[in-house]
Amino acid sequence: MIMKYQEGDAALVLPQPMQIDEAADFADFFDTIEALSLVDETTGAVLAVWGFQKADENSAEAFALIGDLSMRWLKQLLCFLKSFIPQKMAELEVKVLSVTVKKNFKQGLKFVRLLGFDETETLENFYNGEDYQLFERRM
């Protein structure tokens, strides 16, 4: 189930191998922004977190840590975010929502494309010497 983020949720996500460094360095960042958590209603395990931060008057940034989800959970998260993202952009009164994804993280790249984000730029040596892709979704 999707629920309001609780402090420390991001640290409970078992990240995919491509996000291990980001999870170690930035999990506590989610405690400082507006975020949501995907929680297994049976076990209470936090499977993923997704958060937003307004960047300026016209744009916002999205951040995510997503565990290795089964198709069941992945479909639930995708369906929720497809409707939630435009609502959140309208609430924040922003025209552009951006997200970065490690360039060789195939699952992450596919995920943001399924959510309607378009690749706009390559960010060389963006984090830990790795290249990332900048994606944007516009209203």
N, C-alpha and C. Protein backbone atom coordinates (compact mmCIF):
# COMPACT_ATOMS: atom_id res chain seq x y z
N MET A 1 0.83 -1.17 0.00
CA MET A 1 0.00 0.00 0.00
C MET A 1 0.88 1.24 0.00
N ILE A 2 0.36 2.31 -0.58
CA ILE A 2 1.06 3.60 -0.61
C ILE A 2 0.63 4.38 0.63
N MET A 3 1.61 4.87 1.36
CA MET A 3 1.29 5.64 2.56
C MET A 3 2.24 6.83 2.72
N LYS A 4 1.86 7.73 3.59
CA LYS A 4 2.71 8.89 3.88
C LYS A 4 4.03 8.37 4.44
N TYR A 5 5.10 8.95 3.97
CA TYR A 5 6.44 8.60 4.42
C TYR A 5 6.58 8.85 5.92
N GLN A 6 7.20 7.90 6.59
CA GLN A 6 7.52 8.04 8.02
C GLN A 6 9.04 8.17 8.14
N GLU A 7 9.49 9.01 9.05
CA GLU A 7 10.92 9.21 9.21
C GLU A 7 11.65 7.87 9.29
N GLY A 8 12.70 7.75 8.50
CA GLY A 8 13.51 6.53 8.48
C GLY A 8 13.08 5.48 7.48
N ASP A 9 11.94 5.68 6.79
CA ASP A 9 11.48 4.68 5.82
C ASP A 9 12.52 4.38 4.75
N ALA A 10 13.19 5.42 4.23
CA ALA A 10 14.14 5.20 3.13
C ALA A 10 15.28 4.27 3.56
N ALA A 11 15.69 4.35 4.80
CA ALA A 11 16.77 3.50 5.29
C ALA A 11 16.35 2.03 5.37
N LEU A 12 15.04 1.78 5.33
CA LEU A 12 14.52 0.41 5.41
C LEU A 12 14.39 -0.26 4.05
N VAL A 13 14.48 0.53 2.97
CA VAL A 13 14.36 -0.04 1.62
C VAL A 13 15.61 -0.86 1.32
N LEU A 14 15.41 -2.08 0.82
CA LEU A 14 16.53 -2.90 0.34
C LEU A 14 16.74 -2.53 -1.12
N PRO A 15 17.72 -1.64 -1.39
CA PRO A 15 17.84 -1.08 -2.74
C PRO A 15 18.31 -2.10 -3.77
N GLN A 16 17.97 -1.80 -5.01
CA GLN A 16 18.50 -2.58 -6.12
C GLN A 16 20.01 -2.32 -6.18
N PRO A 17 20.80 -3.25 -6.72
CA PRO A 17 22.25 -3.07 -6.75
C PRO A 17 22.71 -1.74 -7.35
N MET A 18 21.97 -1.22 -8.34
CA MET A 18 22.36 0.03 -8.98
C MET A 18 22.13 1.25 -8.09
N GLN A 19 21.41 1.09 -6.98
CA GLN A 19 21.13 2.23 -6.10
C GLN A 19 21.75 2.08 -4.71
N ILE A 20 22.61 1.12 -4.52
CA ILE A 20 23.19 0.88 -3.20
C ILE A 20 23.96 2.10 -2.69
N ASP A 21 24.82 2.69 -3.52
CA ASP A 21 25.59 3.85 -3.07
C ASP A 21 24.68 5.04 -2.77
N GLU A 22 23.71 5.28 -3.65
CA GLU A 22 22.78 6.39 -3.43
C GLU A 22 21.99 6.19 -2.14
N ALA A 23 21.55 4.95 -1.91
CA ALA A 23 20.78 4.66 -0.69
C ALA A 23 21.62 4.91 0.55
N ALA A 24 22.87 4.49 0.52
CA ALA A 24 23.75 4.68 1.68
C ALA A 24 24.01 6.17 1.94
N ASP A 25 24.15 6.94 0.88
CA ASP A 25 24.50 8.35 1.04
C ASP A 25 23.31 9.28 1.24
N PHE A 26 22.14 8.89 0.72
CA PHE A 26 21.03 9.85 0.67
C PHE A 26 19.72 9.39 1.31
N ALA A 27 19.68 8.23 1.94
CA ALA A 27 18.41 7.75 2.52
C ALA A 27 17.84 8.77 3.50
N ASP A 28 18.68 9.38 4.31
CA ASP A 28 18.16 10.33 5.29
C ASP A 28 17.66 11.63 4.66
N PHE A 29 18.00 11.89 3.40
CA PHE A 29 17.49 13.06 2.69
C PHE A 29 15.96 13.02 2.60
N PHE A 30 15.40 11.82 2.46
CA PHE A 30 13.95 11.68 2.36
C PHE A 30 13.24 12.16 3.63
N ASP A 31 13.95 12.16 4.75
CA ASP A 31 13.37 12.66 6.00
C ASP A 31 13.14 14.17 5.96
N THR A 32 13.74 14.85 4.99
CA THR A 32 13.66 16.31 4.93
C THR A 32 12.73 16.83 3.84
N ILE A 33 12.16 15.93 3.02
CA ILE A 33 11.28 16.35 1.93
C ILE A 33 9.93 15.66 2.06
N GLU A 34 8.97 16.12 1.27
CA GLU A 34 7.67 15.46 1.23
C GLU A 34 7.84 14.15 0.46
N ALA A 35 7.40 13.05 1.04
CA ALA A 35 7.62 11.76 0.39
C ALA A 35 6.50 10.77 0.71
N LEU A 36 6.49 9.70 -0.06
CA LEU A 36 5.55 8.60 0.10
C LEU A 36 6.32 7.30 0.19
N SER A 37 5.71 6.31 0.80
CA SER A 37 6.34 4.99 0.93
C SER A 37 5.42 3.92 0.37
N LEU A 38 6.01 2.94 -0.29
CA LEU A 38 5.30 1.74 -0.71
C LEU A 38 5.62 0.66 0.33
N VAL A 39 4.57 0.19 1.01
CA VAL A 39 4.75 -0.74 2.13
C VAL A 39 3.98 -2.02 1.86
N ASP A 40 4.62 -3.16 2.10
CA ASP A 40 3.94 -4.45 2.01
C ASP A 40 2.98 -4.55 3.18
N GLU A 41 1.67 -4.61 2.87
CA GLU A 41 0.68 -4.60 3.96
C GLU A 41 0.72 -5.86 4.80
N THR A 42 1.30 -6.93 4.30
CA THR A 42 1.39 -8.17 5.07
C THR A 42 2.57 -8.16 6.04
N THR A 43 3.73 -7.75 5.54
CA THR A 43 4.94 -7.82 6.37
C THR A 43 5.33 -6.48 6.99
N GLY A 44 4.81 -5.39 6.43
CA GLY A 44 5.19 -4.06 6.91
C GLY A 44 6.52 -3.57 6.34
N ALA A 45 7.12 -4.36 5.44
CA ALA A 45 8.40 -3.98 4.85
C ALA A 45 8.23 -2.76 3.94
N VAL A 46 9.15 -1.81 4.04
CA VAL A 46 9.16 -0.65 3.15
C VAL A 46 9.88 -1.08 1.88
N LEU A 47 9.17 -1.03 0.76
CA LEU A 47 9.68 -1.53 -0.51
C LEU A 47 10.26 -0.44 -1.40
N ALA A 48 9.75 0.77 -1.24
CA ALA A 48 10.20 1.90 -2.07
C ALA A 48 9.77 3.21 -1.42
N VAL A 49 10.48 4.28 -1.76
CA VAL A 49 10.08 5.63 -1.36
C VAL A 49 10.23 6.55 -2.56
N TRP A 50 9.37 7.54 -2.62
CA TRP A 50 9.36 8.52 -3.70
C TRP A 50 9.07 9.87 -3.08
N GLY A 51 9.91 10.87 -3.38
CA GLY A 51 9.71 12.17 -2.78
C GLY A 51 9.85 13.32 -3.76
N PHE A 52 9.39 14.49 -3.32
CA PHE A 52 9.38 15.69 -4.15
C PHE A 52 9.97 16.86 -3.39
N GLN A 53 10.58 17.74 -4.15
CA GLN A 53 11.10 18.98 -3.59
C GLN A 53 10.97 20.06 -4.65
N LYS A 54 10.36 21.16 -4.30
CA LYS A 54 10.24 22.27 -5.25
C LYS A 54 11.62 22.89 -5.44
N ALA A 55 12.01 23.08 -6.71
CA ALA A 55 13.33 23.64 -7.02
C ALA A 55 13.26 25.17 -7.16
N ASP A 56 12.25 25.63 -7.87
CA ASP A 56 12.01 27.07 -8.02
C ASP A 56 10.54 27.24 -8.34
N GLU A 57 10.12 28.44 -8.73
CA GLU A 57 8.69 28.68 -8.89
C GLU A 57 8.05 27.86 -10.01
N ASN A 58 8.84 27.39 -10.98
CA ASN A 58 8.28 26.65 -12.12
C ASN A 58 8.67 25.18 -12.17
N SER A 59 9.52 24.73 -11.26
CA SER A 59 9.99 23.35 -11.36
C SER A 59 10.15 22.67 -10.00
N ALA A 60 10.16 21.36 -10.06
CA ALA A 60 10.38 20.53 -8.87
C ALA A 60 11.25 19.34 -9.26
N GLU A 61 11.78 18.69 -8.25
CA GLU A 61 12.62 17.51 -8.45
C GLU A 61 11.98 16.33 -7.75
N ALA A 62 12.12 15.16 -8.35
CA ALA A 62 11.62 13.93 -7.75
C ALA A 62 12.81 13.02 -7.43
N PHE A 63 12.67 12.25 -6.36
CA PHE A 63 13.73 11.36 -5.90
C PHE A 63 13.10 10.02 -5.54
N ALA A 64 13.81 8.93 -5.79
CA ALA A 64 13.26 7.61 -5.47
C ALA A 64 14.35 6.63 -5.07
N LEU A 65 13.98 5.76 -4.15
CA LEU A 65 14.74 4.55 -3.85
C LEU A 65 13.74 3.41 -4.00
N ILE A 66 14.04 2.51 -4.91
CA ILE A 66 13.08 1.45 -5.21
C ILE A 66 13.78 0.11 -5.04
N GLY A 67 13.22 -0.71 -4.17
CA GLY A 67 13.77 -2.04 -3.96
C GLY A 67 13.50 -2.93 -5.15
N ASP A 68 13.97 -4.14 -5.08
CA ASP A 68 13.74 -5.12 -6.15
C ASP A 68 12.30 -5.61 -6.02
N LEU A 69 11.38 -4.96 -6.73
CA LEU A 69 9.96 -5.21 -6.57
C LEU A 69 9.46 -6.34 -7.45
N SER A 70 8.51 -7.09 -6.92
CA SER A 70 7.79 -8.07 -7.74
C SER A 70 6.92 -7.31 -8.71
N MET A 71 6.45 -7.97 -9.75
CA MET A 71 5.57 -7.33 -10.72
C MET A 71 4.33 -6.76 -10.04
N ARG A 72 3.83 -7.45 -9.03
CA ARG A 72 2.64 -6.98 -8.32
C ARG A 72 2.86 -5.58 -7.76
N TRP A 73 3.98 -5.41 -7.05
CA TRP A 73 4.26 -4.12 -6.43
C TRP A 73 4.64 -3.08 -7.45
N LEU A 74 5.38 -3.48 -8.48
CA LEU A 74 5.79 -2.54 -9.52
C LEU A 74 4.58 -1.98 -10.24
N LYS A 75 3.62 -2.84 -10.56
CA LYS A 75 2.40 -2.37 -11.22
C LYS A 75 1.62 -1.41 -10.33
N GLN A 76 1.52 -1.72 -9.05
CA GLN A 76 0.81 -0.85 -8.12
C GLN A 76 1.48 0.51 -8.05
N LEU A 77 2.81 0.53 -7.94
CA LEU A 77 3.54 1.78 -7.85
C LEU A 77 3.40 2.59 -9.13
N LEU A 78 3.54 1.94 -10.28
CA LEU A 78 3.39 2.64 -11.56
C LEU A 78 2.00 3.24 -11.72
N CYS A 79 0.98 2.46 -11.44
CA CYS A 79 -0.40 2.96 -11.57
C CYS A 79 -0.63 4.16 -10.67
N PHE A 80 -0.17 4.06 -9.43
CA PHE A 80 -0.34 5.16 -8.49
C PHE A 80 0.39 6.41 -8.98
N LEU A 81 1.66 6.27 -9.34
CA LEU A 81 2.46 7.44 -9.72
C LEU A 81 1.98 8.08 -11.02
N LYS A 82 1.45 7.29 -11.94
CA LYS A 82 0.94 7.86 -13.20
C LYS A 82 -0.17 8.87 -12.95
N SER A 83 -0.99 8.62 -11.94
CA SER A 83 -2.04 9.59 -11.64
C SER A 83 -1.59 10.63 -10.61
N PHE A 84 -0.71 10.23 -9.70
CA PHE A 84 -0.27 11.13 -8.64
C PHE A 84 0.64 12.24 -9.15
N ILE A 85 1.54 11.93 -10.07
CA ILE A 85 2.52 12.92 -10.54
C ILE A 85 1.85 14.16 -11.12
N PRO A 86 0.91 14.03 -12.06
CA PRO A 86 0.28 15.26 -12.57
C PRO A 86 -0.49 16.03 -11.48
N GLN A 87 -1.11 15.30 -10.56
CA GLN A 87 -1.81 15.97 -9.46
C GLN A 87 -0.83 16.76 -8.59
N LYS A 88 0.32 16.13 -8.30
CA LYS A 88 1.32 16.78 -7.45
C LYS A 88 1.92 17.99 -8.15
N MET A 89 2.15 17.88 -9.46
CA MET A 89 2.68 19.01 -10.21
C MET A 89 1.69 20.18 -10.18
N ALA A 90 0.42 19.87 -10.32
CA ALA A 90 -0.62 20.92 -10.26
C ALA A 90 -0.66 21.54 -8.86
N GLU A 91 -0.58 20.71 -7.83
CA GLU A 91 -0.61 21.20 -6.45
C GLU A 91 0.58 22.12 -6.17
N LEU A 92 1.76 21.72 -6.67
CA LEU A 92 2.97 22.52 -6.48
C LEU A 92 3.04 23.72 -7.43
N GLU A 93 2.11 23.74 -8.39
CA GLU A 93 2.07 24.79 -9.41
C GLU A 93 3.38 24.89 -10.18
N VAL A 94 3.88 23.71 -10.61
CA VAL A 94 5.10 23.67 -11.41
C VAL A 94 4.80 23.14 -12.81
N LYS A 95 5.60 23.57 -13.74
CA LYS A 95 5.45 23.16 -15.14
C LYS A 95 6.37 21.99 -15.49
N VAL A 96 7.47 21.83 -14.71
CA VAL A 96 8.48 20.83 -15.01
C VAL A 96 8.84 20.05 -13.75
N LEU A 97 8.86 18.72 -13.88
CA LEU A 97 9.34 17.84 -12.81
C LEU A 97 10.53 17.10 -13.37
N SER A 98 11.66 17.14 -12.67
CA SER A 98 12.86 16.48 -13.17
C SER A 98 13.30 15.36 -12.24
N VAL A 99 14.00 14.41 -12.82
CA VAL A 99 14.54 13.27 -12.08
C VAL A 99 15.82 12.83 -12.78
N THR A 100 16.77 12.33 -12.01
CA THR A 100 18.01 11.81 -12.59
C THR A 100 18.06 10.30 -12.37
N VAL A 101 18.64 9.61 -13.35
CA VAL A 101 18.78 8.15 -13.29
C VAL A 101 20.18 7.80 -13.79
N LYS A 102 20.85 6.90 -13.08
CA LYS A 102 22.16 6.43 -13.51
C LYS A 102 22.06 5.92 -14.95
N LYS A 103 22.99 6.35 -15.79
CA LYS A 103 22.92 6.10 -17.23
C LYS A 103 22.78 4.62 -17.59
N ASN A 104 23.42 3.73 -16.88
CA ASN A 104 23.36 2.31 -17.23
C ASN A 104 22.38 1.51 -16.36
N PHE A 105 21.47 2.19 -15.68
CA PHE A 105 20.47 1.55 -14.82
C PHE A 105 19.20 1.30 -15.65
N LYS A 106 19.20 0.20 -16.39
CA LYS A 106 18.14 -0.07 -17.37
C LYS A 106 16.74 -0.08 -16.75
N GLN A 107 16.57 -0.71 -15.59
CA GLN A 107 15.24 -0.74 -14.96
C GLN A 107 14.78 0.66 -14.57
N GLY A 108 15.68 1.47 -14.04
CA GLY A 108 15.34 2.84 -13.66
C GLY A 108 14.98 3.69 -14.86
N LEU A 109 15.73 3.53 -15.94
CA LEU A 109 15.45 4.29 -17.16
C LEU A 109 14.08 3.91 -17.72
N LYS A 110 13.79 2.62 -17.73
CA LYS A 110 12.48 2.16 -18.23
C LYS A 110 11.35 2.69 -17.34
N PHE A 111 11.56 2.66 -16.05
CA PHE A 111 10.55 3.10 -15.08
C PHE A 111 10.17 4.56 -15.31
N VAL A 112 11.17 5.45 -15.43
CA VAL A 112 10.84 6.87 -15.60
C VAL A 112 10.20 7.15 -16.95
N ARG A 113 10.59 6.39 -17.95
CA ARG A 113 9.95 6.56 -19.27
C ARG A 113 8.48 6.13 -19.21
N LEU A 114 8.20 5.04 -18.49
CA LEU A 114 6.82 4.60 -18.33
C LEU A 114 5.98 5.63 -17.57
N LEU A 115 6.62 6.45 -16.78
CA LEU A 115 5.92 7.50 -16.03
C LEU A 115 5.76 8.80 -16.83
N GLY A 116 6.21 8.78 -18.09
CA GLY A 116 6.01 9.94 -18.95
C GLY A 116 7.12 10.97 -18.92
N PHE A 117 8.28 10.59 -18.41
CA PHE A 117 9.42 11.50 -18.42
C PHE A 117 10.19 11.34 -19.72
N ASP A 118 10.73 12.45 -20.22
CA ASP A 118 11.55 12.45 -21.43
C ASP A 118 12.98 12.77 -21.08
N GLU A 119 13.91 12.05 -21.71
CA GLU A 119 15.33 12.28 -21.50
C GLU A 119 15.71 13.63 -22.10
N THR A 120 16.42 14.44 -21.32
CA THR A 120 16.78 15.77 -21.81
C THR A 120 18.28 16.02 -21.89
N GLU A 121 19.06 15.31 -21.08
CA GLU A 121 20.48 15.63 -21.03
C GLU A 121 21.26 14.51 -20.33
N THR A 122 22.52 14.34 -20.74
CA THR A 122 23.43 13.46 -20.02
C THR A 122 24.25 14.32 -19.05
N LEU A 123 24.32 13.86 -17.81
CA LEU A 123 25.07 14.55 -16.78
C LEU A 123 26.33 13.74 -16.49
N GLU A 124 27.44 14.16 -17.08
CA GLU A 124 28.69 13.41 -16.94
C GLU A 124 29.26 13.56 -15.53
N ASN A 125 29.76 12.45 -14.99
CA ASN A 125 30.36 12.43 -13.65
C ASN A 125 29.47 13.09 -12.61
N PHE A 126 28.19 12.81 -12.67
CA PHE A 126 27.21 13.47 -11.81
C PHE A 126 27.33 13.05 -10.35
N TYR A 127 27.55 11.75 -10.12
CA TYR A 127 27.64 11.26 -8.75
C TYR A 127 28.57 10.05 -8.73
N ASN A 128 29.54 10.06 -7.83
CA ASN A 128 30.52 8.97 -7.69
C ASN A 128 31.20 8.63 -9.01
N GLY A 129 31.45 9.63 -9.85
CA GLY A 129 32.13 9.42 -11.12
C GLY A 129 31.27 8.76 -12.19
N GLU A 130 29.99 8.60 -11.92
CA GLU A 130 29.07 7.94 -12.86
C GLU A 130 28.28 8.98 -13.64
N ASP A 131 27.97 8.63 -14.89
CA ASP A 131 27.10 9.46 -15.71
C ASP A 131 25.65 9.15 -15.38
N TYR A 132 24.83 10.19 -15.39
CA TYR A 132 23.39 10.06 -15.15
C TYR A 132 22.65 10.71 -16.31
N GLN A 133 21.39 10.35 -16.45
CA GLN A 133 20.51 10.97 -17.43
C GLN A 133 19.53 11.87 -16.67
N LEU A 134 19.33 13.06 -17.19
CA LEU A 134 18.31 13.95 -16.66
C LEU A 134 17.05 13.74 -17.47
N PHE A 135 15.95 13.53 -16.77
CA PHE A 135 14.62 13.36 -17.39
C PHE A 135 13.72 14.46 -16.88
N GLU A 136 12.80 14.89 -17.75
CA GLU A 136 11.82 15.89 -17.35
C GLU A 136 10.43 15.46 -17.79
N ARG A 137 9.47 15.85 -17.00
CA ARG A 137 8.07 15.68 -17.36
C ARG A 137 7.46 17.07 -17.29
N ARG A 138 6.78 17.46 -18.35
CA ARG A 138 6.20 18.80 -18.43
C ARG A 138 4.69 18.74 -18.41
N MET A 139 4.10 19.80 -17.84
CA MET A 139 2.62 19.93 -17.82
C MET A 139 2.19 20.65 -19.08
